Amino acid sequence: MDKKVSRRKFIKTSALIGCGIGLVGSGTVYGCINSRNRFDIIIKNGLVYSGNGDLPVVADIAVKDDKIAAIGQVGESANQIIDADNLAVSPGFIDIHTHTDTNLFICPEGDSRIYQGITTDVGGNCGGSPFPYSDEEFEKQKNQLRHGYAPWQHVDGFFDALKKNRISINYATFTGHGDLRSVVVGNNDIPSTKEQTEQMKNLLQHQIDCGSIGISYGLEYAPGSYANTHELVELCRVVAKNDALYAIHMRNEDDYVEEAIKEAIDIACQSGARIEISHLKAQNENNWHKASDMLKIIEEAHSSGIDIAFDRYPYTAFSTGLSTFIPLWARQGSSGEVLLRLRDSANFEKISRYAKSRIKRLGGGQNVIITSGDGENAGYIGKNLIECAEISHKEESEFIRDILLAHNGHVDMVCFAMTEDNVKMFLSHKLGMPASDGYVYSPVGELSTGKPHPRSYGTFPRFLGKYCRDEKIVDLSTGIMKMTKLPASRLNLKNRGTIQTGNFADILVFDMDKIADKAEFTNPHQFAAGIKHVFVNGVHTINNGKHTGARNGIILRHG
């Protein structure tokens, strides 16, 4: 008898002992079967991981309309039958930290997301969301189309445009604090007045009323970085009142990371808001030893009653804009004002010193890779700063200045600054979950350019294949729970995140032996291996590894 069959016999026996979804061996069916009504879909004989962290069981899953109608031995009365023998079946993955926002207008199929088994993306992170707009900005744009649709001012208009565009994955979003602050206070390093803070609170309440799931802070980025803790606490009082969620890209993720965690927890403590720490990391080699102490701070907060969790991508490199080599004081104001400072020789001398200190802390220019650019700068894509400086015959900070000026301040980079041991420590922790911090990309068309961080294509298969199956940092049931039920519970998503009758049929069928990320830093636009079928709200969206063209994703609104 081969290895797979032996494993399935063991799991059938385990199911009869009482673990899992139901007593499959006894023929028990959970759900309502009416012989007069055929199911739409039956997924037969799969090794079903419920998402609850239980041992898997061999079972059939029947789908009717957009819901799971029955689980067990359900017969064969269906319009479509999927044979999942020797395959794993789980809830669709939920990515709690993404920047999947307006790229869905370019690729509504959500290629880099759906092909790795993700059925729900959460955007608006790191303090940035494609709303709200100020009255003045909205007035300027009201007669122009935005991504082919009437321009929106608030999240409800953004949602309406996405619904009209029709998308293949479910989508929820935070409200970006940076955008709130830009609308009310502006983009300069000044404290908000009491009146402005109240204005931001009212504006945030409106976004939540329209469906935003909470607020995200991006405290390493202007203008959110200019807010003091009092402002952040006051906004989180709105979040707490609505039982929404607050996500935070902390002020610091390297030399002062412990202090930043304490500030993040203090905001939650003072406001009563539930907290999600974004992409937890100890960045730069001199800080790698801090990981265990960081977790102790989080654990102590959790033990004291703070509702806290964190997410992390399964890679040792981060990705952000090259503009972070510009100090915060120089990032104030409009993009035009920032570029003027870059051009000014007196300002650039100070900016250069800051950039050099950042590069040194990262371990040198060999750890900084340029990942976007066009025209004459396209040749720098995939090269590190040392190589770029040699090719351009410029000093590294001069190269940074010139390429930023050539692209209006928008150039992306990947930086290798973390350690594999810490990746495992964070991902295996009971309060940690994988999340991509990624975007919608596609191997074809407009979104196929550059060399973006491979996490956009590979996060979930990498976590499940490399870290759970191969390296066994957690067992497979726990790993799947971290990608399904845990993020669903953080987001208060009802009837999602587990295989259970009555839940929405967001379902993934995959080969546990073959699931793996294929995207590489040198060649990121590659889909993962091992994903066989994906169903979104009961509709077959990936069939035998190919997109069906279905666009049945919905907007998931708070409450």
Protein backbone atom coordinates (compact mmCIF):
# COMPACT_ATOMS: atom_id res chain seq x y z
CA MET A 1 0.00 0.00 0.00
CA ASP A 2 1.46 3.40 -0.93
CA LYS A 3 2.20 6.22 1.47
CA LYS A 4 -0.81 8.36 0.52
CA VAL A 5 -3.32 5.54 0.98
CA SER A 6 -1.81 4.64 4.35
CA ARG A 7 -2.10 8.23 5.51
CA ARG A 8 -5.73 8.42 4.43
CA LYS A 9 -6.56 5.20 6.30
CA PHE A 10 -5.00 6.68 9.42
CA ILE A 11 -7.01 9.89 9.08
CA LYS A 12 -10.28 8.02 8.52
CA THR A 13 -9.57 6.11 11.71
CA SER A 14 -8.78 9.36 13.53
CA ALA A 15 -12.07 10.85 12.35
CA LEU A 16 -13.99 7.98 13.90
CA ILE A 17 -12.30 8.65 17.23
CA GLY A 18 -14.10 11.97 17.27
CA CYS A 19 -11.79 14.67 15.90
CA GLY A 20 -12.75 16.86 12.98
CA ILE A 21 -15.91 17.80 11.19
CA GLY A 22 -18.10 14.73 11.51
CA LEU A 23 -18.10 10.97 11.89
CA VAL A 24 -17.51 10.38 8.21
CA GLY A 25 -17.00 6.65 8.58
CA SER A 26 -20.49 6.24 10.05
CA GLY A 27 -22.10 7.99 7.11
CA THR A 28 -23.15 11.03 9.14
CA VAL A 29 -24.01 14.08 7.00
CA TYR A 30 -23.94 17.58 8.41
CA GLY A 31 -26.39 19.86 6.61
CA CYS A 32 -29.71 19.43 4.88
CA ILE A 33 -30.05 17.14 1.86
CA ASN A 34 -33.30 17.35 -0.07
CA SER A 35 -33.52 14.64 -2.72
CA ARG A 36 -35.67 16.89 -4.91
CA ASN A 37 -32.88 19.48 -5.16
CA ARG A 38 -29.51 18.79 -6.69
CA PHE A 39 -26.43 20.43 -5.28
CA ASP A 40 -24.51 22.78 -7.52
CA ILE A 41 -21.15 21.23 -6.68
CA ILE A 42 -19.88 18.26 -4.72
CA ILE A 43 -16.21 18.03 -3.80
CA LYS A 44 -15.73 14.32 -3.13
CA ASN A 45 -13.28 12.33 -1.03
CA GLY A 46 -11.06 15.26 -0.07
CA LEU A 47 -8.90 15.40 3.01
CA VAL A 48 -10.80 18.22 4.69
CA TYR A 49 -9.05 20.71 6.97
CA SER A 50 -11.85 22.60 8.70
CA GLY A 51 -9.81 25.71 9.53
CA ASN A 52 -10.48 25.19 13.23
CA GLY A 53 -7.10 23.57 13.81
CA ASP A 54 -8.63 20.08 14.15
CA LEU A 55 -7.19 16.96 12.57
CA PRO A 56 -8.36 16.61 8.95
CA VAL A 57 -11.01 14.07 7.92
CA VAL A 58 -11.93 12.46 4.62
CA ALA A 59 -15.31 13.88 3.59
CA ASP A 60 -17.45 15.22 0.77
CA ILE A 61 -18.52 18.87 0.68
CA ALA A 62 -21.72 19.90 -1.08
CA VAL A 63 -22.28 23.47 -2.29
CA LYS A 64 -25.63 25.05 -3.08
CA ASP A 65 -25.76 28.62 -4.36
CA ASP A 66 -23.01 30.47 -2.45
CA LYS A 67 -23.02 28.32 0.71
CA ILE A 68 -21.71 25.03 2.04
CA ALA A 69 -24.88 22.93 2.14
CA ALA A 70 -23.65 19.61 3.55
CA ILE A 71 -20.51 17.83 4.75
CA GLY A 72 -20.05 14.06 4.99
CA GLN A 73 -21.05 11.34 2.53
CA VAL A 74 -23.46 13.36 0.42
CA GLY A 75 -24.08 11.17 -2.62
CA GLU A 76 -23.57 12.29 -6.20
CA SER A 77 -26.58 14.44 -7.02
CA ALA A 78 -24.90 17.59 -8.30
CA ASN A 79 -24.41 19.64 -11.43
CA GLN A 80 -20.63 19.31 -11.02
CA ILE A 81 -18.53 16.78 -9.14
CA ILE A 82 -14.89 17.44 -8.26
CA ASP A 83 -12.83 14.37 -7.39
CA ALA A 84 -10.52 15.47 -4.57
CA ASP A 85 -9.13 12.02 -3.81
CA ASN A 86 -5.60 12.38 -2.41
CA LEU A 87 -6.05 16.17 -2.33
CA ALA A 88 -6.46 18.54 0.60
CA VAL A 89 -9.54 20.75 0.97
CA SER A 90 -9.58 23.85 3.17
CA PRO A 91 -11.27 27.22 3.52
CA GLY A 92 -9.94 29.79 1.07
CA PHE A 93 -7.02 31.77 2.47
CA ILE A 94 -7.58 35.23 3.95
CA ASP A 95 -4.79 37.78 3.55
CA ILE A 96 -5.22 40.29 6.36
CA HIS A 97 -2.47 42.64 5.18
CA THR A 98 -2.34 43.68 1.54
CA HIS A 99 -2.17 46.71 -0.69
CA THR A 100 -4.73 45.25 -3.05
CA ASP A 101 -6.62 48.41 -3.88
CA THR A 102 -6.82 50.08 -7.28
CA ASN A 103 -4.84 47.32 -9.04
CA LEU A 104 -8.11 45.37 -8.98
CA PHE A 105 -9.38 47.76 -11.65
CA ILE A 106 -6.49 46.73 -13.90
CA CYS A 107 -6.67 43.00 -13.11
CA PRO A 108 -10.09 42.26 -11.60
CA GLU A 109 -9.27 38.54 -11.81
CA GLY A 110 -6.76 39.15 -8.99
CA ASP A 111 -4.20 36.86 -10.62
CA SER A 112 -1.38 36.92 -8.06
CA ARG A 113 -3.91 36.46 -5.28
CA ILE A 114 -6.38 33.83 -6.49
CA TYR A 115 -3.66 31.59 -7.94
CA GLN A 116 -2.19 31.11 -4.46
CA GLY A 117 -5.54 30.15 -2.95
CA ILE A 118 -6.51 33.53 -1.53
CA THR A 119 -10.25 34.18 -1.62
CA THR A 120 -10.29 37.33 0.54
CA ASP A 121 -7.88 40.28 0.50
CA VAL A 122 -7.78 43.13 3.02
CA GLY A 123 -6.43 46.38 1.61
CA GLY A 124 -5.91 49.92 2.87
CA ASN A 125 -2.92 49.00 5.04
CA CYS A 126 0.14 50.93 6.24
CA GLY A 127 -1.83 54.15 6.53
CA GLY A 128 -2.77 54.33 2.84
CA SER A 129 -6.16 53.85 1.18
CA PRO A 130 -7.69 55.15 -2.08
CA PHE A 131 -10.07 57.34 -0.04
CA PRO A 132 -11.07 59.75 1.40
CA TYR A 133 -10.45 62.77 -0.80
CA SER A 134 -10.81 66.35 0.36
CA ASP A 135 -13.72 68.44 -0.90
CA GLU A 136 -11.25 70.49 -2.94
CA GLU A 137 -9.60 67.46 -4.54
CA PHE A 138 -12.95 65.82 -5.23
CA GLU A 139 -14.26 68.99 -6.84
CA LYS A 140 -11.22 69.09 -9.15
CA GLN A 141 -11.78 65.51 -10.30
CA LYS A 142 -15.56 65.24 -10.36
CA ASN A 143 -15.78 65.54 -14.15
CA GLN A 144 -13.02 63.01 -14.82
CA LEU A 145 -13.12 59.23 -14.80
CA ARG A 146 -11.01 57.37 -12.25
CA HIS A 147 -10.05 53.86 -13.43
CA GLY A 148 -12.97 54.09 -15.85
CA TYR A 149 -15.57 55.07 -13.23
CA ALA A 150 -16.98 58.23 -11.73
CA PRO A 151 -14.53 59.57 -9.13
CA TRP A 152 -15.31 58.79 -5.51
CA GLN A 153 -14.68 60.76 -2.36
CA HIS A 154 -15.32 58.16 0.35
CA VAL A 155 -15.11 54.38 0.73
CA ASP A 156 -18.70 53.81 -0.41
CA GLY A 157 -17.92 55.30 -3.82
CA PHE A 158 -14.76 53.21 -4.07
CA PHE A 159 -16.76 50.09 -3.22
CA ASP A 160 -19.40 50.99 -5.83
CA ALA A 161 -16.71 51.26 -8.52
CA LEU A 162 -15.20 47.89 -7.53
CA LYS A 163 -18.63 46.25 -7.60
CA LYS A 164 -19.27 47.59 -11.10
CA ASN A 165 -15.86 46.36 -12.20
CA ARG A 166 -16.62 42.87 -10.80
CA ILE A 167 -13.74 41.14 -9.04
CA SER A 168 -12.72 37.50 -8.58
CA ILE A 169 -11.86 37.72 -4.88
CA ASN A 170 -13.61 39.10 -1.83
CA TYR A 171 -12.31 42.45 -0.66
CA ALA A 172 -12.34 44.44 2.56
CA THR A 173 -10.37 47.54 3.45
CA PHE A 174 -9.08 49.67 6.27
CA THR A 175 -9.17 53.46 6.13
CA GLY A 176 -5.65 54.82 5.82
CA HIS A 177 -4.77 57.29 8.58
CA GLY A 178 -2.31 59.03 6.26
CA ASP A 179 -5.16 59.88 3.89
CA LEU A 180 -7.41 61.05 6.73
CA ARG A 181 -4.66 63.30 8.00
CA SER A 182 -3.84 64.61 4.54
CA VAL A 183 -7.48 65.63 4.03
CA VAL A 184 -7.88 67.38 7.40
CA VAL A 185 -4.42 68.51 8.56
CA GLY A 186 -2.37 68.43 5.36
CA ASN A 187 1.01 66.88 4.62
CA ASN A 188 3.27 68.88 6.91
CA ASP A 189 4.89 67.98 10.22
CA ILE A 190 2.47 69.77 12.54
CA PRO A 191 0.26 68.46 15.35
CA SER A 192 -3.47 68.30 14.75
CA THR A 193 -5.59 70.74 16.69
CA LYS A 194 -8.47 69.56 18.88
CA GLU A 195 -10.91 70.62 16.15
CA GLN A 196 -8.94 68.81 13.45
CA THR A 197 -8.78 65.64 15.53
CA GLU A 198 -12.56 65.74 15.93
CA GLN A 199 -12.89 66.30 12.20
CA MET A 200 -10.74 63.22 11.51
CA LYS A 201 -12.79 61.18 13.99
CA ASN A 202 -16.02 62.17 12.25
CA LEU A 203 -14.53 61.38 8.86
CA LEU A 204 -13.33 57.97 10.10
CA GLN A 205 -16.78 57.22 11.53
CA HIS A 206 -18.29 57.95 8.13
CA GLN A 207 -15.89 55.51 6.44
CA ILE A 208 -16.74 52.79 8.99
CA ASP A 209 -20.46 53.49 8.56
CA CYS A 210 -19.94 52.92 4.83
CA GLY A 211 -18.13 49.62 5.41
CA SER A 212 -14.45 50.24 6.21
CA ILE A 213 -13.23 47.64 8.71
CA GLY A 214 -11.20 50.11 10.80
CA ILE A 215 -8.09 52.23 10.56
CA SER A 216 -4.51 51.50 9.54
CA TYR A 217 -1.50 53.51 10.64
CA GLY A 218 1.71 53.85 8.62
CA LEU A 219 3.96 55.64 11.09
CA GLU A 220 7.14 55.31 9.02
CA TYR A 221 5.49 57.24 6.18
CA ALA A 222 4.51 60.87 5.75
CA PRO A 223 2.10 62.33 6.66
CA GLY A 224 0.96 59.68 9.17
CA SER A 225 4.35 59.78 10.87
CA TYR A 226 3.69 63.37 11.95
CA ALA A 227 0.86 62.34 14.29
CA ASN A 228 1.48 62.16 18.02
CA THR A 229 0.22 59.32 20.19
CA HIS A 230 -2.71 61.37 21.48
CA GLU A 231 -4.09 61.77 17.96
CA LEU A 232 -3.72 58.05 17.30
CA VAL A 233 -5.50 57.16 20.54
CA GLU A 234 -8.39 59.49 19.80
CA LEU A 235 -8.95 57.98 16.36
CA CYS A 236 -8.80 54.50 17.85
CA ARG A 237 -11.61 55.43 20.24
CA VAL A 238 -13.82 55.52 17.14
CA VAL A 239 -12.50 52.09 16.15
CA ALA A 240 -13.22 50.66 19.61
CA LYS A 241 -16.73 52.13 19.70
CA ASN A 242 -17.53 50.28 16.47
CA ASP A 243 -15.74 47.01 17.42
CA ALA A 244 -13.59 47.53 14.34
CA LEU A 245 -9.85 46.78 14.06
CA TYR A 246 -6.77 48.94 14.12
CA ALA A 247 -3.67 47.85 12.17
CA ILE A 248 -0.32 49.49 12.67
CA HIS A 249 2.87 49.74 10.66
CA MET A 250 4.85 50.95 13.65
CA ARG A 251 7.07 54.02 13.87
CA ASN A 252 10.17 51.90 13.90
CA GLU A 253 11.03 48.31 13.00
CA ASP A 254 14.76 48.30 13.75
CA ASP A 255 16.74 50.20 16.40
CA TYR A 256 13.66 51.31 18.38
CA VAL A 257 11.32 48.45 17.58
CA GLU A 258 10.60 47.56 21.22
CA GLU A 259 9.62 51.15 21.98
CA ALA A 260 7.41 51.16 18.89
CA ILE A 261 5.62 47.98 20.01
CA LYS A 262 4.98 49.58 23.41
CA GLU A 263 3.49 52.66 21.75
CA ALA A 264 1.25 50.47 19.58
CA ILE A 265 0.03 48.59 22.65
CA ASP A 266 -0.43 51.83 24.61
CA ILE A 267 -2.74 53.10 21.85
CA ALA A 268 -4.83 49.95 22.19
CA CYS A 269 -4.78 50.14 25.99
CA GLN A 270 -5.90 53.78 26.15
CA SER A 271 -8.54 53.49 23.42
CA GLY A 272 -9.87 49.97 24.00
CA ALA A 273 -9.36 49.13 20.32
CA ARG A 274 -8.38 45.69 19.04
CA ILE A 275 -4.90 45.75 17.50
CA GLU A 276 -3.17 44.02 14.59
CA ILE A 277 0.58 44.69 14.41
CA SER A 278 1.55 44.70 10.75
CA HIS A 279 4.46 42.63 9.35
CA LEU A 280 6.23 42.21 12.70
CA LYS A 281 9.98 42.27 12.18
CA ALA A 282 13.36 42.92 13.79
CA GLN A 283 15.13 44.66 10.94
CA ASN A 284 18.91 44.88 10.42
CA GLU A 285 21.41 42.44 11.88
CA ASN A 286 22.10 44.44 15.03
CA ASN A 287 18.44 44.01 16.01
CA TRP A 288 17.86 40.34 15.20
CA HIS A 289 18.43 39.34 18.83
CA LYS A 290 15.40 41.39 19.91
CA ALA A 291 12.78 39.03 18.45
CA SER A 292 12.11 37.01 21.58
CA ASP A 293 11.83 40.14 23.74
CA MET A 294 9.42 41.65 21.20
CA LEU A 295 7.20 38.59 21.53
CA LYS A 296 7.36 38.80 25.32
CA ILE A 297 6.01 42.37 25.19
CA ILE A 298 3.15 41.23 22.97
CA GLU A 299 2.43 38.18 25.13
CA GLU A 300 2.31 40.31 28.28
CA ALA A 301 -0.17 42.66 26.61
CA HIS A 302 -2.30 39.71 25.54
CA SER A 303 -2.23 38.25 29.06
CA SER A 304 -3.33 41.62 30.47
CA GLY A 305 -6.46 41.58 28.32
CA ILE A 306 -5.37 43.52 25.22
CA ASP A 307 -6.95 41.99 22.11
CA ILE A 308 -3.76 41.75 20.06
CA ALA A 309 -2.32 39.71 17.21
CA PHE A 310 0.24 40.25 14.46
CA ASP A 311 1.02 39.21 10.90
CA ARG A 312 4.22 38.48 9.05
CA TYR A 313 5.29 37.49 5.52
CA PRO A 314 7.48 34.37 5.15
CA TYR A 315 10.54 36.06 3.64
CA THR A 316 13.71 37.68 4.97
CA ALA A 317 13.42 40.72 2.69
CA PHE A 318 11.01 43.64 2.95
CA SER A 319 9.82 45.95 0.20
CA THR A 320 8.90 49.61 0.21
CA GLY A 321 9.55 52.83 -1.66
CA LEU A 322 13.05 54.14 -2.30
CA SER A 323 11.73 57.47 -0.99
CA THR A 324 12.16 56.13 2.57
CA PHE A 325 15.84 57.02 2.12
CA ILE A 326 14.63 60.61 2.37
CA PRO A 327 14.33 61.76 6.02
CA LEU A 328 10.83 62.54 7.30
CA TRP A 329 11.46 66.29 7.56
CA ALA A 330 12.17 66.34 3.81
CA ARG A 331 9.05 64.33 2.94
CA GLN A 332 6.67 67.07 4.07
CA GLY A 333 4.23 68.76 1.73
CA SER A 334 3.33 67.95 -1.84
CA SER A 335 5.34 65.62 -4.05
CA GLY A 336 6.55 68.69 -5.93
CA GLU A 337 7.90 70.22 -2.73
CA VAL A 338 9.71 66.99 -1.85
CA LEU A 339 11.32 66.88 -5.29
CA LEU A 340 12.42 70.51 -4.94
CA ARG A 341 14.25 69.62 -1.73
CA LEU A 342 15.98 66.76 -3.53
CA ARG A 343 17.15 69.17 -6.23
CA ASP A 344 18.43 71.74 -3.72
CA SER A 345 22.13 71.13 -3.07
CA ALA A 346 22.05 72.37 0.54
CA ASN A 347 19.12 70.11 1.40
CA PHE A 348 20.57 67.19 -0.51
CA GLU A 349 23.73 67.21 1.59
CA LYS A 350 21.62 66.47 4.68
CA ILE A 351 19.42 64.00 2.79
CA SER A 352 22.52 62.20 1.54
CA ARG A 353 23.86 61.77 5.08
CA TYR A 354 20.56 60.22 6.14
CA ALA A 355 20.43 57.90 3.12
CA LYS A 356 24.01 56.72 3.75
CA SER A 357 23.20 55.97 7.39
CA ARG A 358 20.15 53.93 6.34
CA ILE A 359 22.18 51.95 3.79
CA LYS A 360 24.87 51.26 6.40
CA ARG A 361 22.29 50.00 8.93
CA LEU A 362 20.86 47.71 6.26
CA GLY A 363 24.29 46.10 5.89
CA GLY A 364 25.37 47.87 2.71
CA GLY A 365 24.14 48.66 -0.77
CA GLN A 366 24.31 45.02 -1.85
CA ASN A 367 21.19 44.41 0.28
CA VAL A 368 19.10 47.05 -1.53
CA ILE A 369 17.58 45.98 -4.88
CA ILE A 370 15.81 48.33 -7.30
CA THR A 371 12.54 46.71 -8.44
CA SER A 372 10.85 49.32 -10.64
CA GLY A 373 11.72 51.90 -13.25
CA ASP A 374 11.14 52.63 -16.91
CA GLY A 375 12.76 54.24 -19.90
CA GLU A 376 16.49 54.64 -19.51
CA ASN A 377 16.21 53.49 -15.88
CA ALA A 378 14.64 50.13 -16.68
CA GLY A 379 18.11 48.58 -16.83
CA TYR A 380 18.54 49.12 -13.09
CA ILE A 381 15.66 46.79 -12.22
CA GLY A 382 16.96 43.77 -10.34
CA LYS A 383 20.32 45.36 -9.55
CA ASN A 384 21.58 46.37 -6.13
CA LEU A 385 22.69 49.87 -5.15
CA ILE A 386 26.39 49.06 -5.50
CA GLU A 387 25.83 47.84 -9.07
CA CYS A 388 23.58 50.81 -9.88
CA ALA A 389 26.20 53.25 -8.60
CA GLU A 390 28.92 51.60 -10.70
CA ILE A 391 26.79 51.58 -13.86
CA SER A 392 25.65 55.20 -13.43
CA HIS A 393 29.11 56.44 -12.29
CA LYS A 394 27.46 58.07 -9.29
CA GLU A 395 27.71 57.77 -5.54
CA GLU A 396 24.84 55.67 -4.11
CA SER A 397 22.86 58.56 -2.58
CA GLU A 398 23.25 60.55 -5.83
CA PHE A 399 21.87 57.60 -7.76
CA ILE A 400 18.91 57.44 -5.36
CA ARG A 401 18.27 61.14 -5.83
CA ASP A 402 18.40 61.03 -9.60
CA ILE A 403 16.22 57.97 -10.10
CA LEU A 404 13.62 59.39 -7.68
CA LEU A 405 13.61 62.68 -9.57
CA ALA A 406 13.20 60.81 -12.86
CA HIS A 407 10.12 58.99 -11.54
CA ASN A 408 8.44 61.76 -9.51
CA GLY A 409 9.55 60.15 -6.28
CA HIS A 410 8.04 56.73 -6.95
CA VAL A 411 10.58 53.90 -7.21
CA ASP A 412 10.26 50.55 -5.43
CA MET A 413 12.96 48.51 -3.75
CA VAL A 414 13.50 45.21 -1.94
CA CYS A 415 15.87 45.09 1.04
CA PHE A 416 17.34 41.97 2.63
CA ALA A 417 17.46 42.80 6.32
CA MET A 418 16.00 39.92 8.37
CA THR A 419 16.91 36.46 9.55
CA GLU A 420 15.28 33.12 8.83
CA ASP A 421 15.23 32.14 12.51
CA ASN A 422 13.06 35.15 13.32
CA VAL A 423 10.73 34.44 10.40
CA LYS A 424 10.07 31.01 11.88
CA MET A 425 9.72 32.38 15.41
CA PHE A 426 7.08 34.92 14.39
CA LEU A 427 5.11 32.65 12.06
CA SER A 428 4.94 29.80 14.56
CA HIS A 429 3.74 31.99 17.44
CA LYS A 430 0.15 31.46 18.55
CA LEU A 431 -0.72 35.13 17.91
CA GLY A 432 0.99 35.27 14.51
CA MET A 433 -0.42 34.66 11.06
CA PRO A 434 1.00 34.84 7.53
CA ALA A 435 0.10 37.85 5.39
CA SER A 436 1.67 39.03 2.17
CA ASP A 437 1.93 42.83 2.40
CA GLY A 438 1.49 42.36 -1.35
CA TYR A 439 -0.38 43.65 -4.37
CA VAL A 440 -2.39 42.33 -7.28
CA TYR A 441 0.02 41.54 -10.10
CA SER A 442 -0.20 39.39 -13.21
CA PRO A 443 2.35 37.68 -15.48
CA VAL A 444 0.66 39.36 -18.44
CA GLY A 445 -0.32 42.92 -19.22
CA GLU A 446 0.25 46.19 -17.41
CA LEU A 447 0.93 44.57 -14.03
CA SER A 448 3.68 42.26 -15.31
CA THR A 449 6.48 44.85 -15.30
CA GLY A 450 9.35 45.21 -12.85
CA LYS A 451 10.51 42.70 -10.28
CA PRO A 452 8.18 43.15 -7.30
CA HIS A 453 8.70 41.23 -4.08
CA PRO A 454 7.65 37.58 -4.70
CA ARG A 455 5.39 37.67 -1.62
CA SER A 456 2.56 38.97 -3.82
CA TYR A 457 2.53 35.61 -5.65
CA GLY A 458 3.89 33.15 -3.13
CA THR A 459 3.17 33.96 0.52
CA PHE A 460 0.55 31.34 1.36
CA PRO A 461 1.91 28.38 -0.64
CA ARG A 462 5.36 29.18 0.75
CA PHE A 463 4.11 29.20 4.34
CA LEU A 464 2.17 25.97 3.88
CA GLY A 465 4.76 24.10 1.79
CA LYS A 466 8.13 25.29 3.05
CA TYR A 467 7.38 26.16 6.66
CA CYS A 468 4.53 23.80 7.64
CA ARG A 469 5.01 20.68 5.50
CA ASP A 470 8.78 20.68 5.07
CA GLU A 471 10.18 22.51 8.09
CA LYS A 472 7.29 21.68 10.45
CA ILE A 473 7.31 24.92 12.41
CA VAL A 474 3.62 24.14 13.08
CA ASP A 475 1.46 21.20 12.05
CA LEU A 476 -0.62 21.49 8.88
CA SER A 477 -3.94 21.92 10.69
CA THR A 478 -2.55 24.78 12.77
CA GLY A 479 -0.94 26.34 9.70
CA ILE A 480 -4.23 26.32 7.79
CA MET A 481 -6.03 27.76 10.81
CA LYS A 482 -3.54 30.66 10.78
CA MET A 483 -4.53 31.44 7.17
CA THR A 484 -8.30 31.02 7.58
CA LYS A 485 -10.10 31.09 10.91
CA LEU A 486 -7.57 33.31 12.71
CA PRO A 487 -7.67 36.22 10.25
CA ALA A 488 -11.45 35.81 9.86
CA SER A 489 -11.84 36.17 13.63
CA ARG A 490 -9.62 39.27 13.71
CA LEU A 491 -11.75 40.85 10.98
CA ASN A 492 -15.09 39.79 12.47
CA LEU A 493 -15.96 38.07 9.19
CA LYS A 494 -19.18 36.16 9.65
CA ASN A 495 -19.59 32.69 8.11
CA ARG A 496 -16.13 32.63 6.57
CA GLY A 497 -12.81 31.10 7.48
CA THR A 498 -13.99 27.56 8.29
CA ILE A 499 -15.51 24.60 6.47
CA GLN A 500 -18.91 24.49 8.11
CA THR A 501 -22.46 24.08 6.86
CA GLY A 502 -24.07 27.45 6.27
CA ASN A 503 -20.76 29.19 5.70
CA PHE A 504 -19.96 30.90 2.43
CA ALA A 505 -18.34 28.45 0.03
CA ASP A 506 -14.85 29.98 -0.19
CA ILE A 507 -13.03 26.68 -0.69
CA LEU A 508 -9.56 25.64 -1.80
CA VAL A 509 -8.52 22.23 -3.18
CA PHE A 510 -4.77 21.66 -3.36
CA ASP A 511 -2.08 19.00 -3.48
CA MET A 512 -0.42 19.00 -0.06
CA ASP A 513 2.63 17.20 -1.44
CA LYS A 514 3.18 19.70 -4.26
CA ILE A 515 2.05 23.05 -2.95
CA ALA A 516 4.97 25.48 -3.21
CA ASP A 517 5.79 29.04 -4.14
CA LYS A 518 7.49 29.48 -7.51
CA ALA A 519 7.97 33.26 -7.51
CA GLU A 520 11.59 34.32 -7.08
CA PHE A 521 13.22 37.68 -6.46
CA THR A 522 14.83 37.46 -9.90
CA ASN A 523 11.65 36.19 -11.57
CA PRO A 524 8.65 37.05 -9.39
CA HIS A 525 5.79 36.84 -11.90
CA GLN A 526 5.15 33.12 -11.42
CA PHE A 527 2.12 31.34 -10.01
CA ALA A 528 2.43 28.82 -7.21
CA ALA A 529 2.34 25.06 -7.73
CA GLY A 530 -0.20 22.64 -6.31
CA ILE A 531 -3.36 24.79 -6.40
CA LYS A 532 -6.03 22.72 -8.17
CA HIS A 533 -9.40 24.37 -7.54
CA VAL A 534 -10.59 27.59 -5.91
CA PHE A 535 -14.24 28.43 -5.25
CA VAL A 536 -15.29 31.96 -4.32
CA ASN A 537 -18.79 32.26 -2.87
CA GLY A 538 -19.62 28.90 -4.44
CA VAL A 539 -18.36 29.75 -7.94
CA HIS A 540 -15.57 27.74 -9.55
CA THR A 541 -12.85 30.34 -10.14
CA ILE A 542 -9.71 28.19 -10.52
CA ASN A 543 -10.37 24.88 -12.29
CA ASN A 544 -7.46 22.43 -12.55
CA GLY A 545 -5.02 25.28 -12.08
CA LYS A 546 -6.61 27.63 -14.65
CA HIS A 547 -8.71 30.74 -14.11
CA THR A 548 -12.28 30.23 -15.33
CA GLY A 549 -12.88 33.95 -15.81
CA ALA A 550 -15.43 33.96 -12.97
CA ARG A 551 -15.66 37.22 -11.05
CA ASN A 552 -17.85 36.38 -8.09
CA GLY A 553 -15.99 38.16 -5.31
CA ILE A 554 -17.92 40.55 -3.12
CA ILE A 555 -17.21 43.57 -0.95
CA LEU A 556 -17.00 42.62 2.72
CA ARG A 557 -18.16 45.59 4.79
CA HIS A 558 -17.77 46.15 8.50
CA GLY A 559 -20.78 44.86 10.38
